[in-house]
Amino acid sequence: MSVTHTVLFQIKVDADSKDVKAACDRFIALKDSCLHPTRNTPYIKSIKGGKDNSPEGLQNGITHGFIVEFSSVEDRDYYVSTDPSHQAFVRSIGDLVEKVIVVDFVAGLY
C-alpha cells in the first residue's frame, strides 16, 4: 500500500537563498541517500518539490512543498522515525525553517 508523505515548509524570511537552495537539493537527494535497513538499497519511490508559485494566496506562510512517495507504511515509518540520512537532514534545516506541516495519506482511504 503506497503512502504519500507531503511536507510543507515556511522558510524564515531572513534565510539566505543559497542555503535554501542547498537544503532543497539535500531534500531531493534523500531519494538516493536513504537506504532500506535490511536491503541496504534506496527505498523512496520518488521525491519532488520546490518553491511555491500559487496565485491563490492561500499559502498561510508556506513557501516550499515536497511530495515523497513510499511503497509501504513501514518504509514511511522507518524514514520518519529512524533513517539516519533523514534525521541528519532534519537537523540540518533547523536554522532555515519557521514552520513545518506534514500530511501523509494512502490514496483512496478517507
PDB file of N, CA and C in Angstrom:
ATOM      1  N   MET A   1       0.846  -1.169   0.000  1.00  0.00           N
ATOM      2  CA  MET A   1       0.000   0.000   0.000  1.00  0.00           C
ATOM      3  C   MET A   1       0.900   1.243   0.000  1.00  0.00           C
ATOM      4  N   SER A   2       0.865   2.000  -1.063  1.00  0.00           N
ATOM      5  CA  SER A   2       1.688   3.196  -1.237  1.00  0.00           C
ATOM      6  C   SER A   2       1.246   4.315  -0.296  1.00  0.00           C
ATOM      7  N   VAL A   3       2.220   5.070   0.217  1.00  0.00           N
ATOM      8  CA  VAL A   3       1.953   6.190   1.120  1.00  0.00           C
ATOM      9  C   VAL A   3       2.562   7.455   0.520  1.00  0.00           C
ATOM     10  N   THR A   4       1.764   8.514   0.511  1.00  0.00           N
ATOM     11  CA  THR A   4       2.239   9.823   0.072  1.00  0.00           C
ATOM     12  C   THR A   4       2.517  10.663   1.308  1.00  0.00           C
ATOM     13  N   HIS A   5       3.731  11.181   1.394  1.00  0.00           N
ATOM     14  CA  HIS A   5       4.208  11.982   2.527  1.00  0.00           C
ATOM     15  C   HIS A   5       4.393  13.402   1.996  1.00  0.00           C
ATOM     16  N   THR A   6       3.543  14.312   2.443  1.00  0.00           N
ATOM     17  CA  THR A   6       3.573  15.692   1.978  1.00  0.00           C
ATOM     18  C   THR A   6       4.218  16.560   3.048  1.00  0.00           C
ATOM     19  N   VAL A   7       5.239  17.317   2.662  1.00  0.00           N
ATOM     20  CA  VAL A   7       5.969  18.165   3.606  1.00  0.00           C
ATOM     21  C   VAL A   7       5.932  19.598   3.089  1.00  0.00           C
ATOM     22  N   LEU A   8       5.455  20.501   3.935  1.00  0.00           N
ATOM     23  CA  LEU A   8       5.370  21.922   3.587  1.00  0.00           C
ATOM     24  C   LEU A   8       6.216  22.719   4.560  1.00  0.00           C
ATOM     25  N   PHE A   9       7.040  23.605   4.021  1.00  0.00           N
ATOM     26  CA  PHE A   9       7.926  24.423   4.837  1.00  0.00           C
ATOM     27  C   PHE A   9       7.578  25.894   4.711  1.00  0.00           C
ATOM     28  N   GLN A  10       7.678  26.598   5.819  1.00  0.00           N
ATOM     29  CA  GLN A  10       7.746  28.052   5.802  1.00  0.00           C
ATOM     30  C   GLN A  10       9.193  28.392   6.121  1.00  0.00           C
ATOM     31  N   ILE A  11       9.898  28.889   5.106  1.00  0.00           N
ATOM     32  CA  ILE A  11      11.294  29.253   5.284  1.00  0.00           C
ATOM     33  C   ILE A  11      11.352  30.638   5.935  1.00  0.00           C
ATOM     34  N   LYS A  12      12.281  30.821   6.858  1.00  0.00           N
ATOM     35  CA  LYS A  12      12.434  32.114   7.532  1.00  0.00           C
ATOM     36  C   LYS A  12      12.733  33.210   6.516  1.00  0.00           C
ATOM     37  N   VAL A  13      12.172  34.383   6.741  1.00  0.00           N
ATOM     38  CA  VAL A  13      12.314  35.481   5.776  1.00  0.00           C
ATOM     39  C   VAL A  13      13.766  35.926   5.612  1.00  0.00           C
ATOM     40  N   ASP A  14      14.587  35.761   6.631  1.00  0.00           N
ATOM     41  CA  ASP A  14      15.983  36.191   6.530  1.00  0.00           C
ATOM     42  C   ASP A  14      16.935  35.080   6.085  1.00  0.00           C
ATOM     43  N   ALA A  15      16.391  33.941   5.656  1.00  0.00           N
ATOM     44  CA  ALA A  15      17.232  32.832   5.212  1.00  0.00           C
ATOM     45  C   ALA A  15      17.928  33.198   3.902  1.00  0.00           C
ATOM     46  N   ASP A  16      19.190  32.849   3.815  1.00  0.00           N
ATOM     47  CA  ASP A  16      19.970  33.097   2.597  1.00  0.00           C
ATOM     48  C   ASP A  16      19.472  32.160   1.491  1.00  0.00           C
ATOM     49  N   SER A  17      19.241  32.700   0.312  1.00  0.00           N
ATOM     50  CA  SER A  17      18.685  31.915  -0.795  1.00  0.00           C
ATOM     51  C   SER A  17      19.598  30.756  -1.191  1.00  0.00           C
ATOM     52  N   LYS A  18      20.902  30.926  -1.055  1.00  0.00           N
ATOM     53  CA  LYS A  18      21.827  29.826  -1.366  1.00  0.00           C
ATOM     54  C   LYS A  18      21.670  28.678  -0.372  1.00  0.00           C
ATOM     55  N   ASP A  19      21.461  29.022   0.898  1.00  0.00           N
ATOM     56  CA  ASP A  19      21.251  27.999   1.919  1.00  0.00           C
ATOM     57  C   ASP A  19      19.931  27.266   1.683  1.00  0.00           C
ATOM     58  N   VAL A  20      18.907  28.012   1.269  1.00  0.00           N
ATOM     59  CA  VAL A  20      17.604  27.406   0.989  1.00  0.00           C
ATOM     60  C   VAL A  20      17.727  26.448  -0.194  1.00  0.00           C
ATOM     61  N   LYS A  21      18.392  26.861  -1.255  1.00  0.00           N
ATOM     62  CA  LYS A  21      18.580  26.001  -2.428  1.00  0.00           C
ATOM     63  C   LYS A  21      19.351  24.752  -2.043  1.00  0.00           C
ATOM     64  N   ALA A  22      20.397  24.905  -1.243  1.00  0.00           N
ATOM     65  CA  ALA A  22      21.186  23.748  -0.806  1.00  0.00           C
ATOM     66  C   ALA A  22      20.328  22.777   0.005  1.00  0.00           C
ATOM     67  N   ALA A  23      19.474  23.310   0.883  1.00  0.00           N
ATOM     68  CA  ALA A  23      18.602  22.454   1.690  1.00  0.00           C
ATOM     69  C   ALA A  23      17.600  21.720   0.798  1.00  0.00           C
ATOM     70  N   CYS A  24      17.040  22.405  -0.178  1.00  0.00           N
ATOM     71  CA  CYS A  24      16.104  21.762  -1.103  1.00  0.00           C
ATOM     72  C   CYS A  24      16.803  20.666  -1.904  1.00  0.00           C
ATOM     73  N   ASP A  25      18.008  20.924  -2.350  1.00  0.00           N
ATOM     74  CA  ASP A  25      18.780  19.904  -3.074  1.00  0.00           C
ATOM     75  C   ASP A  25      19.045  18.693  -2.185  1.00  0.00           C
ATOM     76  N   ARG A  26      19.357  18.931  -0.911  1.00  0.00           N
ATOM     77  CA  ARG A  26      19.592  17.822   0.023  1.00  0.00           C
ATOM     78  C   ARG A  26      18.313  17.020   0.240  1.00  0.00           C
ATOM     79  N   PHE A  27      17.174  17.712   0.289  1.00  0.00           N
ATOM     80  CA  PHE A  27      15.901  17.008   0.458  1.00  0.00           C
ATOM     81  C   PHE A  27      15.678  16.068  -0.725  1.00  0.00           C
ATOM     82  N   ILE A  28      15.810  16.577  -1.934  1.00  0.00           N
ATOM     83  CA  ILE A  28      15.609  15.759  -3.130  1.00  0.00           C
ATOM     84  C   ILE A  28      16.599  14.588  -3.171  1.00  0.00           C
ATOM     85  N   ALA A  29      17.822  14.819  -2.702  1.00  0.00           N
ATOM     86  CA  ALA A  29      18.857  13.780  -2.703  1.00  0.00           C
ATOM     87  C   ALA A  29      18.559  12.643  -1.731  1.00  0.00           C
ATOM     88  N   LEU A  30      17.619  12.836  -0.798  1.00  0.00           N
ATOM     89  CA  LEU A  30      17.262  11.765   0.129  1.00  0.00           C
ATOM     90  C   LEU A  30      16.782  10.521  -0.620  1.00  0.00           C
ATOM     91  N   LYS A  31      16.245  10.693  -1.809  1.00  0.00           N
ATOM     92  CA  LYS A  31      15.784   9.544  -2.597  1.00  0.00           C
ATOM     93  C   LYS A  31      16.902   8.518  -2.771  1.00  0.00           C
ATOM     94  N   ASP A  32      18.119   8.992  -2.910  1.00  0.00           N
ATOM     95  CA  ASP A  32      19.245   8.082  -3.107  1.00  0.00           C
ATOM     96  C   ASP A  32      20.026   7.787  -1.826  1.00  0.00           C
ATOM     97  N   SER A  33      20.006   8.712  -0.872  1.00  0.00           N
ATOM     98  CA  SER A  33      20.813   8.509   0.338  1.00  0.00           C
ATOM     99  C   SER A  33      20.089   7.739   1.441  1.00  0.00           C
ATOM    100  N   CYS A  34      18.766   7.682   1.396  1.00  0.00           N
ATOM    101  CA  CYS A  34      18.015   6.895   2.380  1.00  0.00           C
ATOM    102  C   CYS A  34      18.015   5.437   1.938  1.00  0.00           C
ATOM    103  N   LEU A  35      18.602   4.575   2.755  1.00  0.00           N
ATOM    104  CA  LEU A  35      18.740   3.165   2.412  1.00  0.00           C
ATOM    105  C   LEU A  35      17.889   2.290   3.327  1.00  0.00           C
ATOM    106  N   HIS A  36      17.271   1.291   2.730  1.00  0.00           N
ATOM    107  CA  HIS A  36      16.445   0.348   3.482  1.00  0.00           C
ATOM    108  C   HIS A  36      17.311  -0.362   4.523  1.00  0.00           C
ATOM    109  N   PRO A  37      16.812  -0.542   5.745  1.00  0.00           N
ATOM    110  CA  PRO A  37      17.650  -1.085   6.822  1.00  0.00           C
ATOM    111  C   PRO A  37      18.105  -2.525   6.625  1.00  0.00           C
ATOM    112  N   THR A  38      17.391  -3.324   5.840  1.00  0.00           N
ATOM    113  CA  THR A  38      17.820  -4.716   5.636  1.00  0.00           C
ATOM    114  C   THR A  38      18.360  -4.971   4.239  1.00  0.00           C
ATOM    115  N   ARG A  39      17.826  -4.282   3.231  1.00  0.00           N
ATOM    116  CA  ARG A  39      18.290  -4.489   1.851  1.00  0.00           C
ATOM    117  C   ARG A  39      19.469  -3.577   1.498  1.00  0.00           C
ATOM    118  N   ASN A  40      19.661  -2.518   2.277  1.00  0.00           N
ATOM    119  CA  ASN A  40      20.732  -1.544   2.046  1.00  0.00           C
ATOM    120  C   ASN A  40      20.673  -0.937   0.639  1.00  0.00           C
ATOM    121  N   THR A  41      19.447  -0.726   0.154  1.00  0.00           N
ATOM    122  CA  THR A  41      19.206  -0.094  -1.141  1.00  0.00           C
ATOM    123  C   THR A  41      18.218   1.059  -0.951  1.00  0.00           C
ATOM    124  N   PRO A  42      18.216   2.025  -1.856  1.00  0.00           N
ATOM    125  CA  PRO A  42      17.254   3.121  -1.745  1.00  0.00           C
ATOM    126  C   PRO A  42      15.815   2.586  -1.740  1.00  0.00           C
ATOM    127  N   TYR A  43      14.963   3.147  -0.901  1.00  0.00           N
ATOM    128  CA  TYR A  43      13.594   2.651  -0.763  1.00  0.00           C
ATOM    129  C   TYR A  43      12.525   3.717  -1.018  1.00  0.00           C
ATOM    130  N   ILE A  44      12.913   4.954  -1.229  1.00  0.00           N
ATOM    131  CA  ILE A  44      11.943   6.003  -1.537  1.00  0.00           C
ATOM    132  C   ILE A  44      11.596   5.889  -3.018  1.00  0.00           C
ATOM    133  N   LYS A  45      10.301   5.797  -3.328  1.00  0.00           N
ATOM    134  CA  LYS A  45       9.877   5.656  -4.720  1.00  0.00           C
ATOM    135  C   LYS A  45      10.138   6.929  -5.514  1.00  0.00           C
ATOM    136  N   SER A  46       9.806   8.080  -4.936  1.00  0.00           N
ATOM    137  CA  SER A  46      10.025   9.346  -5.639  1.00  0.00           C
ATOM    138  C   SER A  46       9.972  10.504  -4.653  1.00  0.00           C
ATOM    139  N   ILE A  47      10.653  11.585  -5.025  1.00  0.00           N
ATOM    140  CA  ILE A  47      10.578  12.853  -4.294  1.00  0.00           C
ATOM    141  C   ILE A  47      10.527  13.951  -5.340  1.00  0.00           C
ATOM    142  N   LYS A  48       9.602  14.860  -5.142  1.00  0.00           N
ATOM    143  CA  LYS A  48       9.573  16.060  -5.974  1.00  0.00           C
ATOM    144  C   LYS A  48       9.125  17.219  -5.106  1.00  0.00           C
ATOM    145  N   GLY A  49       9.507  18.415  -5.522  1.00  0.00           N
ATOM    146  CA  GLY A  49       9.108  19.574  -4.750  1.00  0.00           C
ATOM    147  C   GLY A  49       9.759  20.832  -5.259  1.00  0.00           C
ATOM    148  N   GLY A  50       9.429  21.940  -4.600  1.00  0.00           N
ATOM    149  CA  GLY A  50      10.001  23.211  -4.981  1.00  0.00           C
ATOM    150  C   GLY A  50       9.352  24.370  -4.262  1.00  0.00           C
ATOM    151  N   LYS A  51       9.676  25.557  -4.739  1.00  0.00           N
ATOM    152  CA  LYS A  51       9.183  26.804  -4.161  1.00  0.00           C
ATOM    153  C   LYS A  51       7.751  27.061  -4.622  1.00  0.00           C
ATOM    154  N   ASP A  52       6.924  27.531  -3.703  1.00  0.00           N
ATOM    155  CA  ASP A  52       5.525  27.829  -4.014  1.00  0.00           C
ATOM    156  C   ASP A  52       5.420  28.883  -5.106  1.00  0.00           C
ATOM    157  N   ASN A  53       4.465  28.690  -6.011  1.00  0.00           N
ATOM    158  CA  ASN A  53       4.180  29.703  -7.025  1.00  0.00           C
ATOM    159  C   ASN A  53       2.680  29.846  -7.273  1.00  0.00           C
ATOM    160  N   SER A  54       1.874  29.451  -6.300  1.00  0.00           N
ATOM    161  CA  SER A  54       0.426  29.501  -6.464  1.00  0.00           C
ATOM    162  C   SER A  54      -0.085  30.937  -6.471  1.00  0.00           C
ATOM    163  N   PRO A  55      -0.989  31.267  -7.392  1.00  0.00           N
ATOM    164  CA  PRO A  55      -1.580  32.600  -7.432  1.00  0.00           C
ATOM    165  C   PRO A  55      -2.780  32.753  -6.492  1.00  0.00           C
ATOM    166  N   GLU A  56      -3.165  31.688  -5.794  1.00  0.00           N
ATOM    167  CA  GLU A  56      -4.385  31.722  -4.988  1.00  0.00           C
ATOM    168  C   GLU A  56      -4.270  32.529  -3.700  1.00  0.00           C
ATOM    169  N   GLY A  57      -3.046  32.680  -3.193  1.00  0.00           N
ATOM    170  CA  GLY A  57      -2.873  33.438  -1.959  1.00  0.00           C
ATOM    171  C   GLY A  57      -3.319  32.706  -0.707  1.00  0.00           C
ATOM    172  N   LEU A  58      -3.347  31.385  -0.742  1.00  0.00           N
ATOM    173  CA  LEU A  58      -3.816  30.589   0.399  1.00  0.00           C
ATOM    174  C   LEU A  58      -2.694  29.852   1.116  1.00  0.00           C
ATOM    175  N   GLN A  59      -1.466  30.299   0.928  1.00  0.00           N
ATOM    176  CA  GLN A  59      -0.298  29.598   1.458  1.00  0.00           C
ATOM    177  C   GLN A  59      -0.144  29.703   2.973  1.00  0.00           C
ATOM    178  N   ASN A  60      -0.704  30.729   3.581  1.00  0.00           N
ATOM    179  CA  ASN A  60      -0.570  30.910   5.034  1.00  0.00           C
ATOM    180  C   ASN A  60       0.878  30.847   5.493  1.00  0.00           C
ATOM    181  N   GLY A  61       1.768  31.434   4.705  1.00  0.00           N
ATOM    182  CA  GLY A  61       3.178  31.496   5.066  1.00  0.00           C
ATOM    183  C   GLY A  61       4.030  30.383   4.496  1.00  0.00           C
ATOM    184  N   ILE A  62       3.430  29.323   3.996  1.00  0.00           N
ATOM    185  CA  ILE A  62       4.190  28.203   3.440  1.00  0.00           C
ATOM    186  C   ILE A  62       4.894  28.661   2.172  1.00  0.00           C
ATOM    187  N   THR A  63       6.185  28.343   2.065  1.00  0.00           N
ATOM    188  CA  THR A  63       6.983  28.811   0.935  1.00  0.00           C
ATOM    189  C   THR A  63       7.464  27.686   0.016  1.00  0.00           C
ATOM    190  N   HIS A  64       7.547  26.457   0.535  1.00  0.00           N
ATOM    191  CA  HIS A  64       8.082  25.337  -0.240  1.00  0.00           C
ATOM    192  C   HIS A  64       7.278  24.071   0.077  1.00  0.00           C
ATOM    193  N   GLY A  65       7.117  23.213  -0.925  1.00  0.00           N
ATOM    194  CA  GLY A  65       6.398  21.964  -0.735  1.00  0.00           C
ATOM    195  C   GLY A  65       7.113  20.798  -1.384  1.00  0.00           C
ATOM    196  N   PHE A  66       7.005  19.627  -0.757  1.00  0.00           N
ATOM    197  CA  PHE A  66       7.635  18.411  -1.266  1.00  0.00           C
ATOM    198  C   PHE A  66       6.671  17.236  -1.109  1.00  0.00           C
ATOM    199  N   ILE A  67       6.737  16.326  -2.071  1.00  0.00           N
ATOM    200  CA  ILE A  67       5.950  15.098  -2.039  1.00  0.00           C
ATOM    201  C   ILE A  67       6.928  13.927  -2.078  1.00  0.00           C
ATOM    202  N   VAL A  68       6.818  13.046  -1.089  1.00  0.00           N
ATOM    203  CA  VAL A  68       7.674  11.860  -1.016  1.00  0.00           C
ATOM    204  C   VAL A  68       6.759  10.645  -1.081  1.00  0.00           C
ATOM    205  N   GLU A  69       7.070   9.719  -1.993  1.00  0.00           N
ATOM    206  CA  GLU A  69       6.263   8.504  -2.166  1.00  0.00           C
ATOM    207  C   GLU A  69       7.002   7.295  -1.624  1.00  0.00           C
ATOM    208  N   PHE A  70       6.282   6.511  -0.815  1.00  0.00           N
ATOM    209  CA  PHE A  70       6.817   5.277  -0.246  1.00  0.00           C
ATOM    210  C   PHE A  70       5.962   4.097  -0.693  1.00  0.00           C
ATOM    211  N   SER A  71       6.572   2.936  -0.795  1.00  0.00           N
ATOM    212  CA  SER A  71       5.846   1.727  -1.192  1.00  0.00           C
ATOM    213  C   SER A  71       4.966   1.186  -0.075  1.00  0.00           C
ATOM    214  N   SER A  72       5.314   1.525   1.166  1.00  0.00           N
ATOM    215  CA  SER A  72       4.570   0.950   2.296  1.00  0.00           C
ATOM    216  C   SER A  72       4.584   1.892   3.491  1.00  0.00           C
ATOM    217  N   VAL A  73       3.653   1.645   4.390  1.00  0.00           N
ATOM    218  CA  VAL A  73       3.608   2.377   5.653  1.00  0.00           C
ATOM    219  C   VAL A  73       4.880   2.109   6.449  1.00  0.00           C
ATOM    220  N   GLU A  74       5.376   0.878   6.391  1.00  0.00           N
ATOM    221  CA  GLU A  74       6.590   0.520   7.120  1.00  0.00           C
ATOM    222  C   GLU A  74       7.788   1.337   6.638  1.00  0.00           C
ATOM    223  N   ASP A  75       7.913   1.509   5.313  1.00  0.00           N
ATOM    224  CA  ASP A  75       9.001   2.321   4.784  1.00  0.00           C
ATOM    225  C   ASP A  75       8.875   3.762   5.241  1.00  0.00           C
ATOM    226  N   ARG A  76       7.667   4.301   5.195  1.00  0.00           N
ATOM    227  CA  ARG A  76       7.446   5.676   5.658  1.00  0.00           C
ATOM    228  C   ARG A  76       7.789   5.816   7.129  1.00  0.00           C
ATOM    229  N   ASP A  77       7.357   4.858   7.925  1.00  0.00           N
ATOM    230  CA  ASP A  77       7.609   4.917   9.365  1.00  0.00           C
ATOM    231  C   ASP A  77       9.110   4.866   9.674  1.00  0.00           C
ATOM    232  N   TYR A  78       9.844   4.018   8.953  1.00  0.00           N
ATOM    233  CA  TYR A  78      11.299   3.954   9.135  1.00  0.00           C
ATOM    234  C   TYR A  78      11.929   5.295   8.773  1.00  0.00           C
ATOM    235  N   TYR A  79      11.520   5.851   7.657  1.00  0.00           N
ATOM    236  CA  TYR A  79      12.027   7.146   7.193  1.00  0.00           C
ATOM    237  C   TYR A  79      11.807   8.224   8.249  1.00  0.00           C
ATOM    238  N   VAL A  80      10.595   8.308   8.757  1.00  0.00           N
ATOM    239  CA  VAL A  80      10.231   9.375   9.695  1.00  0.00           C
ATOM    240  C   VAL A  80      10.939   9.214  11.036  1.00  0.00           C
ATOM    241  N   SER A  81      11.021   7.988  11.534  1.00  0.00           N
ATOM    242  CA  SER A  81      11.487   7.817  12.909  1.00  0.00           C
ATOM    243  C   SER A  81      12.950   7.414  13.059  1.00  0.00           C
ATOM    244  N   THR A  82      13.547   6.808  12.025  1.00  0.00           N
ATOM    245  CA  THR A  82      14.842   6.167  12.231  1.00  0.00           C
ATOM    246  C   THR A  82      15.893   6.488  11.182  1.00  0.00           C
ATOM    247  N   ASP A  83      15.532   6.608   9.927  1.00  0.00           N
ATOM    248  CA  ASP A  83      16.528   6.695   8.855  1.00  0.00           C
ATOM    249  C   ASP A  83      17.585   7.756   9.165  1.00  0.00           C
ATOM    250  N   PRO A  84      18.868   7.372   9.242  1.00  0.00           N
ATOM    251  CA  PRO A  84      19.915   8.323   9.621  1.00  0.00           C
ATOM    252  C   PRO A  84      20.069   9.485   8.633  1.00  0.00           C
ATOM    253  N   SER A  85      19.894   9.225   7.354  1.00  0.00           N
ATOM    254  CA  SER A  85      20.011  10.310   6.369  1.00  0.00           C
ATOM    255  C   SER A  85      18.900  11.331   6.550  1.00  0.00           C
ATOM    256  N   HIS A  86      17.687  10.845   6.778  1.00  0.00           N
ATOM    257  CA  HIS A  86      16.571  11.765   7.005  1.00  0.00           C
ATOM    258  C   HIS A  86      16.755  12.536   8.308  1.00  0.00           C
ATOM    259  N   GLN A  87      17.185  11.838   9.355  1.00  0.00           N
ATOM    260  CA  GLN A  87      17.390  12.507  10.642  1.00  0.00           C
ATOM    261  C   GLN A  87      18.454  13.599  10.523  1.00  0.00           C
ATOM    262  N   ALA A  88      19.523  13.335   9.780  1.00  0.00           N
ATOM    263  CA  ALA A  88      20.568  14.348   9.567  1.00  0.00           C
ATOM    264  C   ALA A  88      20.020  15.536   8.792  1.00  0.00           C
ATOM    265  N   PHE A  89      19.179  15.274   7.789  1.00  0.00           N
ATOM    266  CA  PHE A  89      18.573  16.363   7.031  1.00  0.00           C
ATOM    267  C   PHE A  89      17.717  17.239   7.949  1.00  0.00           C
ATOM    268  N   VAL A  90      16.890  16.623   8.762  1.00  0.00           N
ATOM    269  CA  VAL A  90      16.017  17.372   9.678  1.00  0.00           C
ATOM    270  C   VAL A  90      16.858  18.276  10.579  1.00  0.00           C
ATOM    271  N   ARG A  91      17.939  17.747  11.120  1.00  0.00           N
ATOM    272  CA  ARG A  91      18.811  18.558  11.977  1.00  0.00           C
ATOM    273  C   ARG A  91      19.438  19.714  11.192  1.00  0.00           C
ATOM    274  N   SER A  92      19.731  19.493   9.925  1.00  0.00           N
ATOM    275  CA  SER A  92      20.452  20.495   9.130  1.00  0.00           C
ATOM    276  C   SER A  92      19.621  21.711   8.751  1.00  0.00           C
ATOM    277  N   ILE A  93      18.298  21.613   8.834  1.00  0.00           N
ATOM    278  CA  ILE A  93      17.458  22.730   8.371  1.00  0.00           C
ATOM    279  C   ILE A  93      16.872  23.568   9.498  1.00  0.00           C
ATOM    280  N   GLY A  94      17.240  23.274  10.717  1.00  0.00           N
ATOM    281  CA  GLY A  94      16.666  23.963  11.872  1.00  0.00           C
ATOM    282  C   GLY A  94      16.769  25.474  11.822  1.00  0.00           C
ATOM    283  N   ASP A  95      17.875  26.000  11.309  1.00  0.00           N
ATOM    284  CA  ASP A  95      18.056  27.451  11.260  1.00  0.00           C
ATOM    285  C   ASP A  95      17.319  28.107  10.096  1.00  0.00           C
ATOM    286  N   LEU A  96      16.834  27.322   9.158  1.00  0.00           N
ATOM    287  CA  LEU A  96      16.170  27.867   7.968  1.00  0.00           C
ATOM    288  C   LEU A  96      14.652  27.883   8.064  1.00  0.00           C
ATOM    289  N   VAL A  97      14.098  26.996   8.882  1.00  0.00           N
ATOM    290  CA  VAL A  97      12.667  26.743   8.846  1.00  0.00           C
ATOM    291  C   VAL A  97      11.934  27.408  10.011  1.00  0.00           C
ATOM    292  N   GLU A  98      10.882  28.127   9.657  1.00  0.00           N
ATOM    293  CA  GLU A  98       9.996  28.743  10.640  1.00  0.00           C
ATOM    294  C   GLU A  98       8.909  27.759  11.072  1.00  0.00           C
ATOM    295  N   LYS A  99       8.359  27.020  10.085  1.00  0.00           N
ATOM    296  CA  LYS A  99       7.232  26.120  10.357  1.00  0.00           C
ATOM    297  C   LYS A  99       7.294  24.952   9.375  1.00  0.00           C
ATOM    298  N   VAL A 100       6.869  23.777   9.853  1.00  0.00           N
ATOM    299  CA  VAL A 100       6.759  22.587   9.009  1.00  0.00           C
ATOM    300  C   VAL A 100       5.367  22.008   9.197  1.00  0.00           C
ATOM    301  N   ILE A 101       4.750  21.632   8.088  1.00  0.00           N
ATOM    302  CA  ILE A 101       3.468  20.924   8.111  1.00  0.00           C
ATOM    303  C   ILE A 101       3.669  19.621   7.356  1.00  0.00           C
ATOM    304  N   VAL A 102       3.235  18.522   7.941  1.00  0.00           N
ATOM    305  CA  VAL A 102       3.339  17.217   7.297  1.00  0.00           C
ATOM    306  C   VAL A 102       1.960  16.583   7.256  1.00  0.00           C
ATOM    307  N   VAL A 103       1.573  16.114   6.076  1.00  0.00           N
ATOM    308  CA  VAL A 103       0.325  15.388   5.894  1.00  0.00           C
ATOM    309  C   VAL A 103       0.644  14.141   5.082  1.00  0.00           C
ATOM    310  N   ASP A 104       0.318  12.975   5.628  1.00  0.00           N
ATOM    311  CA  ASP A 104       0.518  11.710   4.934  1.00  0.00           C
ATOM    312  C   ASP A 104      -0.837  11.107   4.603  1.00  0.00           C
ATOM    313  N   PHE A 105      -0.897  10.391   3.483  1.00  0.00           N
ATOM    314  CA  PHE A 105      -2.153   9.713   3.143  1.00  0.00           C
ATOM    315  C   PHE A 105      -1.902   8.512   2.248  1.00  0.00           C
ATOM    316  N   VAL A 106      -2.875   7.609   2.282  1.00  0.00           N
ATOM    317  CA  VAL A 106      -2.956   6.497   1.354  1.00  0.00           C
ATOM    318  C   VAL A 106      -4.097   6.848   0.416  1.00  0.00           C
ATOM    319  N   ALA A 107      -3.813   6.877  -0.874  1.00  0.00           N
ATOM    320  CA  ALA A 107      -4.830   7.269  -1.846  1.00  0.00           C
ATOM    321  C   ALA A 107      -6.083   6.412  -1.712  1.00  0.00           C
ATOM    322  N   GLY A 108      -7.225   7.053  -1.674  1.00  0.00           N
ATOM    323  CA  GLY A 108      -8.498   6.373  -1.617  1.00  0.00           C
ATOM    324  C   GLY A 108      -8.997   6.033  -0.230  1.00  0.00           C
ATOM    325  N   LEU A 109      -8.168   6.215   0.800  1.00  0.00           N
ATOM    326  CA  LEU A 109      -8.629   5.975   2.173  1.00  0.00           C
ATOM    327  C   LEU A 109      -9.101   7.308   2.757  1.00  0.00           C
ATOM    328  N   TYR A 110     -10.380   7.394   3.013  1.00  0.00           N
ATOM    329  CA  TYR A 110     -10.948   8.651   3.504  1.00  0.00           C
ATOM    330  C   TYR A 110     -11.400   8.483   4.913  1.00  0.00           C
TER     331      TYR A 110
END
